[in-house]
C-alpha atoms as a PDB file:
ATOM      1  CA  UNK A   1      -0.158   0.021  -0.289  1.00  0.00           C
ATOM      2  CA  UNK A   2       1.391   3.200  -0.811  1.00  0.00           C
ATOM      3  CA  UNK A   3       1.504   6.921   1.262  1.00  0.00           C
ATOM      4  CA  UNK A   4      -0.868   9.223  -1.131  1.00  0.00           C
ATOM      5  CA  UNK A   5      -2.727  11.709   1.178  1.00  0.00           C
ATOM      6  CA  UNK A   6      -6.466  10.250  -0.035  1.00  0.00           C
ATOM      7  CA  UNK A   7      -7.212  13.932  -1.718  1.00  0.00           C
ATOM      8  CA  UNK A   8      -4.938  12.704  -3.905  1.00  0.00           C
ATOM      9  CA  UNK A   9      -6.008   9.053  -4.478  1.00  0.00           C
ATOM     10  CA  UNK A  10      -8.133   8.473  -7.855  1.00  0.00           C
ATOM     11  CA  UNK A  11     -11.163   5.412  -7.104  1.00  0.00           C
ATOM     12  CA  UNK A  12      -9.240   3.134  -9.088  1.00  0.00           C
ATOM     13  CA  UNK A  13      -5.905   3.721  -6.920  1.00  0.00           C
ATOM     14  CA  UNK A  14      -7.559   3.721  -3.386  1.00  0.00           C
ATOM     15  CA  UNK A  15      -7.323   0.518  -1.650  1.00  0.00           C
ATOM     16  CA  UNK A  16     -11.137   1.440  -0.022  1.00  0.00           C
ATOM     17  CA  UNK A  17     -13.113   3.029  -2.250  1.00  0.00           C
ATOM     18  CA  UNK A  18     -15.718   4.298   0.832  1.00  0.00           C
ATOM     19  CA  UNK A  19     -12.502   5.828   2.172  1.00  0.00           C
ATOM     20  CA  UNK A  20     -12.470   8.612  -0.826  1.00  0.00           C
ATOM     21  CA  UNK A  21     -14.657  10.568  -2.449  1.00  0.00           C
ATOM     22  CA  UNK A  22     -16.781  10.665  -5.309  1.00  0.00           C
ATOM     23  CA  UNK A  23     -14.739  12.266  -8.375  1.00  0.00           C
ATOM     24  CA  UNK A  24     -18.125  13.427  -9.486  1.00  0.00           C
ATOM     25  CA  UNK A  25     -19.829  14.991  -6.130  1.00  0.00           C
ATOM     26  CA  UNK A  26     -23.068  14.952  -7.742  1.00  0.00           C
ATOM     27  CA  UNK A  27     -23.242  11.612  -8.812  1.00  0.00           C
ATOM     28  CA  UNK A  28     -23.323   9.265  -5.358  1.00  0.00           C
ATOM     29  CA  UNK A  29     -23.529   5.179  -5.727  1.00  0.00           C
ATOM     30  CA  UNK A  30     -26.041   3.588  -7.699  1.00  0.00           C
ATOM     31  CA  UNK A  31     -26.414   6.961 -10.568  1.00  0.00           C
ATOM     32  CA  UNK A  32     -28.376   8.884  -8.322  1.00  0.00           C
ATOM     33  CA  UNK A  33     -28.147  12.270  -8.611  1.00  0.00           C
ATOM     34  CA  UNK A  34     -27.700  15.089  -5.782  1.00  0.00           C
ATOM     35  CA  UNK A  35     -28.699  18.723  -6.440  1.00  0.00           C
ATOM     36  CA  UNK A  36     -30.294  20.920  -9.616  1.00  0.00           C
ATOM     37  CA  UNK A  37     -29.619  21.195 -12.928  1.00  0.00           C
ATOM     38  CA  UNK A  38     -29.646  24.575 -14.515  1.00  0.00           C
ATOM     39  CA  UNK A  39     -32.618  24.347 -16.005  1.00  0.00           C
ATOM     40  CA  UNK A  40     -34.172  23.778 -13.204  1.00  0.00           C
ATOM     41  CA  UNK A  41     -32.301  26.811 -10.892  1.00  0.00           C
ATOM     42  CA  UNK A  42     -33.006  29.125 -14.333  1.00  0.00           C
ATOM     43  CA  UNK A  43     -36.601  28.083 -13.654  1.00  0.00           C
ATOM     44  CA  UNK A  44     -36.716  28.617 -10.132  1.00  0.00           C
ATOM     45  CA  UNK A  45     -35.282  31.985 -10.606  1.00  0.00           C
ATOM     46  CA  UNK A  46     -37.301  32.798 -13.615  1.00  0.00           C
ATOM     47  CA  UNK A  47     -40.572  31.797 -11.192  1.00  0.00           C
ATOM     48  CA  UNK A  48     -39.498  34.115  -8.130  1.00  0.00           C
ATOM     49  CA  UNK A  49     -38.673  37.102 -10.700  1.00  0.00           C
ATOM     50  CA  UNK A  50     -42.480  36.579 -11.809  1.00  0.00           C
ATOM     51  CA  UNK A  51     -43.564  36.738  -8.687  1.00  0.00           C
ATOM     52  CA  UNK A  52     -41.351  39.324  -7.063  1.00  0.00           C
ATOM     53  CA  UNK A  53     -42.705  42.009 -10.239  1.00  0.00           C
ATOM     54  CA  UNK A  54     -46.314  41.160  -9.462  1.00  0.00           C
ATOM     55  CA  UNK A  55     -45.575  41.742  -5.477  1.00  0.00           C
ATOM     56  CA  UNK A  56     -43.645  45.239  -6.966  1.00  0.00           C
ATOM     57  CA  UNK A  57     -47.079  46.249  -9.132  1.00  0.00           C
ATOM     58  CA  UNK A  58     -49.392  45.418  -6.312  1.00  0.00           C
ATOM     59  CA  UNK A  59     -47.220  47.483  -3.440  1.00  0.00           C
ATOM     60  CA  UNK A  60     -47.196  50.598  -5.576  1.00  0.00           C
ATOM     61  CA  UNK A  61     -50.725  50.436  -6.332  1.00  0.00           C
ATOM     62  CA  UNK A  62     -51.863  50.179  -2.163  1.00  0.00           C
ATOM     63  CA  UNK A  63     -49.642  52.875  -1.832  1.00  0.00           C
ATOM     64  CA  UNK A  64     -50.658  54.929  -3.906  1.00  0.00           C
ATOM     65  CA  UNK A  65     -54.412  53.628  -2.793  1.00  0.00           C
ATOM     66  CA  UNK A  66     -53.303  54.722   0.358  1.00  0.00           C
ATOM     67  CA  UNK A  67     -51.384  58.365  -0.206  1.00  0.00           C
ATOM     68  CA  UNK A  68     -55.043  59.209  -1.604  1.00  0.00           C
ATOM     69  CA  UNK A  69     -56.998  58.027   0.698  1.00  0.00           C
ATOM     70  CA  UNK A  70     -54.443  60.312   3.573  1.00  0.00           C
ATOM     71  CA  UNK A  71     -55.135  63.195   1.403  1.00  0.00           C
ATOM     72  CA  UNK A  72     -58.429  62.791   1.641  1.00  0.00           C
ATOM     73  CA  UNK A  73     -58.876  62.358   5.257  1.00  0.00           C
ATOM     74  CA  UNK A  74     -56.178  65.426   5.977  1.00  0.00           C
ATOM     75  CA  UNK A  75     -58.777  67.634   3.860  1.00  0.00           C
ATOM     76  CA  UNK A  76     -62.255  66.262   5.820  1.00  0.00           C
ATOM     77  CA  UNK A  77     -60.154  66.638   8.854  1.00  0.00           C
ATOM     78  CA  UNK A  78     -59.689  70.316   8.385  1.00  0.00           C
ATOM     79  CA  UNK A  79     -63.163  70.864   6.340  1.00  0.00           C
ATOM     80  CA  UNK A  80     -64.326  70.308   9.645  1.00  0.00           C
ATOM     81  CA  UNK A  81     -61.664  72.284  12.010  1.00  0.00           C
ATOM     82  CA  UNK A  82     -62.556  74.991   9.965  1.00  0.00           C
ATOM     83  CA  UNK A  83     -66.548  74.481  10.472  1.00  0.00           C
ATOM     84  CA  UNK A  84     -66.128  73.717  13.661  1.00  0.00           C
ATOM     85  CA  UNK A  85     -63.719  77.671  14.117  1.00  0.00           C
ATOM     86  CA  UNK A  86     -66.970  79.012  11.728  1.00  0.00           C
ATOM     87  CA  UNK A  87     -70.240  77.421  14.676  1.00  0.00           C
ATOM     88  CA  UNK A  88     -67.791  79.068  17.767  1.00  0.00           C
ATOM     89  CA  UNK A  89     -67.828  81.660  15.788  1.00  0.00           C
ATOM     90  CA  UNK A  90     -63.565  82.388  16.160  1.00  0.00           C
ATOM     91  CA  UNK A  91     -62.618  85.722  15.705  1.00  0.00           C
ATOM     92  CA  UNK A  92     -65.534  86.409  14.566  1.00  0.00           C
ATOM     93  CA  UNK A  93     -66.037  85.290  11.434  1.00  0.00           C
ATOM     94  CA  UNK A  94     -66.701  82.883   8.949  1.00  0.00           C
ATOM     95  CA  UNK A  95     -65.084  80.470   7.940  1.00  0.00           C
ATOM     96  CA  UNK A  96     -63.223  78.271   5.499  1.00  0.00           C
ATOM     97  CA  UNK A  97     -61.337  76.843   2.639  1.00  0.00           C
ATOM     98  CA  UNK A  98     -60.116  78.125  -0.550  1.00  0.00           C
ATOM     99  CA  UNK A  99     -58.874  74.697  -2.881  1.00  0.00           C
ATOM    100  CA  UNK A 100     -56.612  76.232  -5.761  1.00  0.00           C
ATOM    101  CA  UNK A 101     -56.089  74.107  -8.973  1.00  0.00           C
ATOM    102  CA  UNK A 102     -52.281  75.541  -9.462  1.00  0.00           C
ATOM    103  CA  UNK A 103     -50.046  74.794 -12.605  1.00  0.00           C
ATOM    104  CA  UNK A 104     -47.247  73.793 -10.523  1.00  0.00           C
ATOM    105  CA  UNK A 105     -48.485  72.271  -7.002  1.00  0.00           C
ATOM    106  CA  UNK A 106     -52.000  71.860  -5.713  1.00  0.00           C
ATOM    107  CA  UNK A 107     -52.762  73.823  -2.284  1.00  0.00           C
ATOM    108  CA  UNK A 108     -55.738  74.420   0.134  1.00  0.00           C
ATOM    109  CA  UNK A 109     -55.436  77.077   2.177  1.00  0.00           C
ATOM    110  CA  UNK A 110     -57.758  78.100   5.602  1.00  0.00           C
ATOM    111  CA  UNK A 111     -59.120  81.083   5.765  1.00  0.00           C
ATOM    112  CA  UNK A 112     -61.315  83.180   7.938  1.00  0.00           C
ATOM    113  CA  UNK A 113     -63.634  86.138   6.749  1.00  0.00           C
ATOM    114  CA  UNK A 114     -65.886  87.877   8.091  1.00  0.00           C
ATOM    115  CA  UNK A 115     -68.203  89.623   4.142  1.00  0.00           C
ATOM    116  CA  UNK A 116     -67.567  86.627   2.076  1.00  0.00           C
ATOM    117  CA  UNK A 117     -65.302  89.207  -0.444  1.00  0.00           C
ATOM    118  CA  UNK A 118     -61.905  89.275   1.952  1.00  0.00           C
ATOM    119  CA  UNK A 119     -59.824  86.725   2.711  1.00  0.00           C
ATOM    120  CA  UNK A 120     -57.143  86.254   5.941  1.00  0.00           C
ATOM    121  CA  UNK A 121     -55.391  83.208   5.326  1.00  0.00           C
ATOM    122  CA  UNK A 122     -54.582  81.130   8.902  1.00  0.00           C
ATOM    123  CA  UNK A 123     -52.060  78.157   6.202  1.00  0.00           C
ATOM    124  CA  UNK A 124     -51.815  77.285   3.534  1.00  0.00           C
ATOM    125  CA  UNK A 125     -51.422  73.166   2.271  1.00  0.00           C
ATOM    126  CA  UNK A 126     -50.055  71.549  -0.689  1.00  0.00           C
ATOM    127  CA  UNK A 127     -50.920  68.658  -2.092  1.00  0.00           C
ATOM    128  CA  UNK A 128     -48.080  65.859  -2.086  1.00  0.00           C
ATOM    129  CA  UNK A 129     -46.515  64.135  -5.071  1.00  0.00           C
ATOM    130  CA  UNK A 130     -48.528  64.259  -8.588  1.00  0.00           C
ATOM    131  CA  UNK A 131     -51.628  64.882  -6.494  1.00  0.00           C
ATOM    132  CA  UNK A 132     -54.134  67.549  -8.543  1.00  0.00           C
ATOM    133  CA  UNK A 133     -57.795  69.004  -7.800  1.00  0.00           C
ATOM    134  CA  UNK A 134     -60.040  67.832  -9.867  1.00  0.00           C
ATOM    135  CA  UNK A 135     -62.097  71.616 -10.375  1.00  0.00           C
ATOM    136  CA  UNK A 136     -60.809  74.874 -10.777  1.00  0.00           C
ATOM    137  CA  UNK A 137     -60.160  77.101  -8.074  1.00  0.00           C
ATOM    138  CA  UNK A 138     -62.929  76.859  -5.800  1.00  0.00           C
ATOM    139  CA  UNK A 139     -64.464  78.944  -2.023  1.00  0.00           C
ATOM    140  CA  UNK A 140     -66.265  75.872   0.417  1.00  0.00           C
ATOM    141  CA  UNK A 141     -67.160  78.547   2.929  1.00  0.00           C
ATOM    142  CA  UNK A 142     -68.956  77.664   6.493  1.00  0.00           C
ATOM    143  CA  UNK A 143     -71.335  79.530   8.007  1.00  0.00           C
ATOM    144  CA  UNK A 144     -71.213  81.614  11.145  1.00  0.00           C
ATOM    145  CA  UNK A 145     -72.610  80.379  14.468  1.00  0.00           C
ATOM    146  CA  UNK A 146     -74.071  77.442  11.976  1.00  0.00           C
ATOM    147  CA  UNK A 147     -71.736  76.185  10.138  1.00  0.00           C
ATOM    148  CA  UNK A 148     -73.757  75.787   6.661  1.00  0.00           C
ATOM    149  CA  UNK A 149     -72.328  76.451   3.514  1.00  0.00           C
ATOM    150  CA  UNK A 150     -74.527  77.165   0.143  1.00  0.00           C
ATOM    151  CA  UNK A 151     -73.990  75.518  -2.742  1.00  0.00           C
ATOM    152  CA  UNK A 152     -72.352  71.523  -2.094  1.00  0.00           C
ATOM    153  CA  UNK A 153     -69.365  71.177  -2.817  1.00  0.00           C
ATOM    154  CA  UNK A 154     -67.307  68.470  -3.955  1.00  0.00           C
ATOM    155  CA  UNK A 155     -63.653  67.875  -3.676  1.00  0.00           C
ATOM    156  CA  UNK A 156     -61.867  65.475  -5.817  1.00  0.00           C
ATOM    157  CA  UNK A 157     -58.863  64.321  -5.219  1.00  0.00           C
ATOM    158  CA  UNK A 158     -56.664  62.813  -8.431  1.00  0.00           C
ATOM    159  CA  UNK A 159     -53.583  61.106  -8.917  1.00  0.00           C
ATOM    160  CA  UNK A 160     -52.403  58.978 -11.316  1.00  0.00           C
ATOM    161  CA  UNK A 161     -55.378  57.456 -13.186  1.00  0.00           C
ATOM    162  CA  UNK A 162     -56.689  57.436  -9.175  1.00  0.00           C
ATOM    163  CA  UNK A 163     -59.351  59.374  -7.452  1.00  0.00           C
ATOM    164  CA  UNK A 164     -60.942  60.042  -4.111  1.00  0.00           C
ATOM    165  CA  UNK A 165     -64.360  62.343  -3.724  1.00  0.00           C
ATOM    166  CA  UNK A 166     -65.455  64.551  -0.709  1.00  0.00           C
ATOM    167  CA  UNK A 167     -69.016  65.869  -0.271  1.00  0.00           C
ATOM    168  CA  UNK A 168     -69.852  69.606   1.770  1.00  0.00           C
ATOM    169  CA  UNK A 169     -73.665  69.476   1.452  1.00  0.00           C
ATOM    170  CA  UNK A 170     -75.262  72.549   2.380  1.00  0.00           C
ATOM    171  CA  UNK A 171     -76.443  71.695   5.541  1.00  0.00           C
ATOM    172  CA  UNK A 172     -72.880  71.037   7.083  1.00  0.00           C
ATOM    173  CA  UNK A 173     -72.381  66.939   6.372  1.00  0.00           C
ATOM    174  CA  UNK A 174     -69.167  66.752   5.319  1.00  0.00           C
ATOM    175  CA  UNK A 175     -68.350  63.214   3.662  1.00  0.00           C
END
C-alpha cells in the first residue's frame, strides 16, 4: 500500500473506495443524482422574478391608494376644523377653505372672512406628490354660528388614474 494523501488518490488507486470522496459529487453510489440541474435553477429564478414583479406592482398600487386616502382624510379634518371655528364664531368670522388647482402643485388654504369678499389666510397646505384637484379653484365657506354652506360642494382629488371624492352638503355634512 502506498502513502498517497487521500485527496490525491483516484478511485482506481484507492484500497478502499468508501474512504475516498467520489470524483463527481453530484453522483452517488448507484447513479443517483444530488442537487439541481441548470434548467431547474433557472426555472426557479424565473418564477421568483415573476412573483417579485407582481408584488412590486401590487405594493405600488396599494401605496398610491393609501396616500390618496390619507390626503382625503386630512382635507376632511381641515374642513371640519373650519366648520367648528365658524360655529364657535372664532375671530367673529366665517371660516372656509379655498381649493386651488395651480399649474405647479395644487394646494388649499384655511381662511377666515367677515364679509365673504376679503379673506385672511391662516394656513396653506400643498397636496403631496402628483396629486391634483379635479375642479378649478373653489371656496367652501361655513356660515358663522350655523356651520352650513351654500351650495353643495364636491372636491375631487386625483393621482395617477385614481380619484377620491369629498362632499360638503348645504346643511354642513362633510363626507
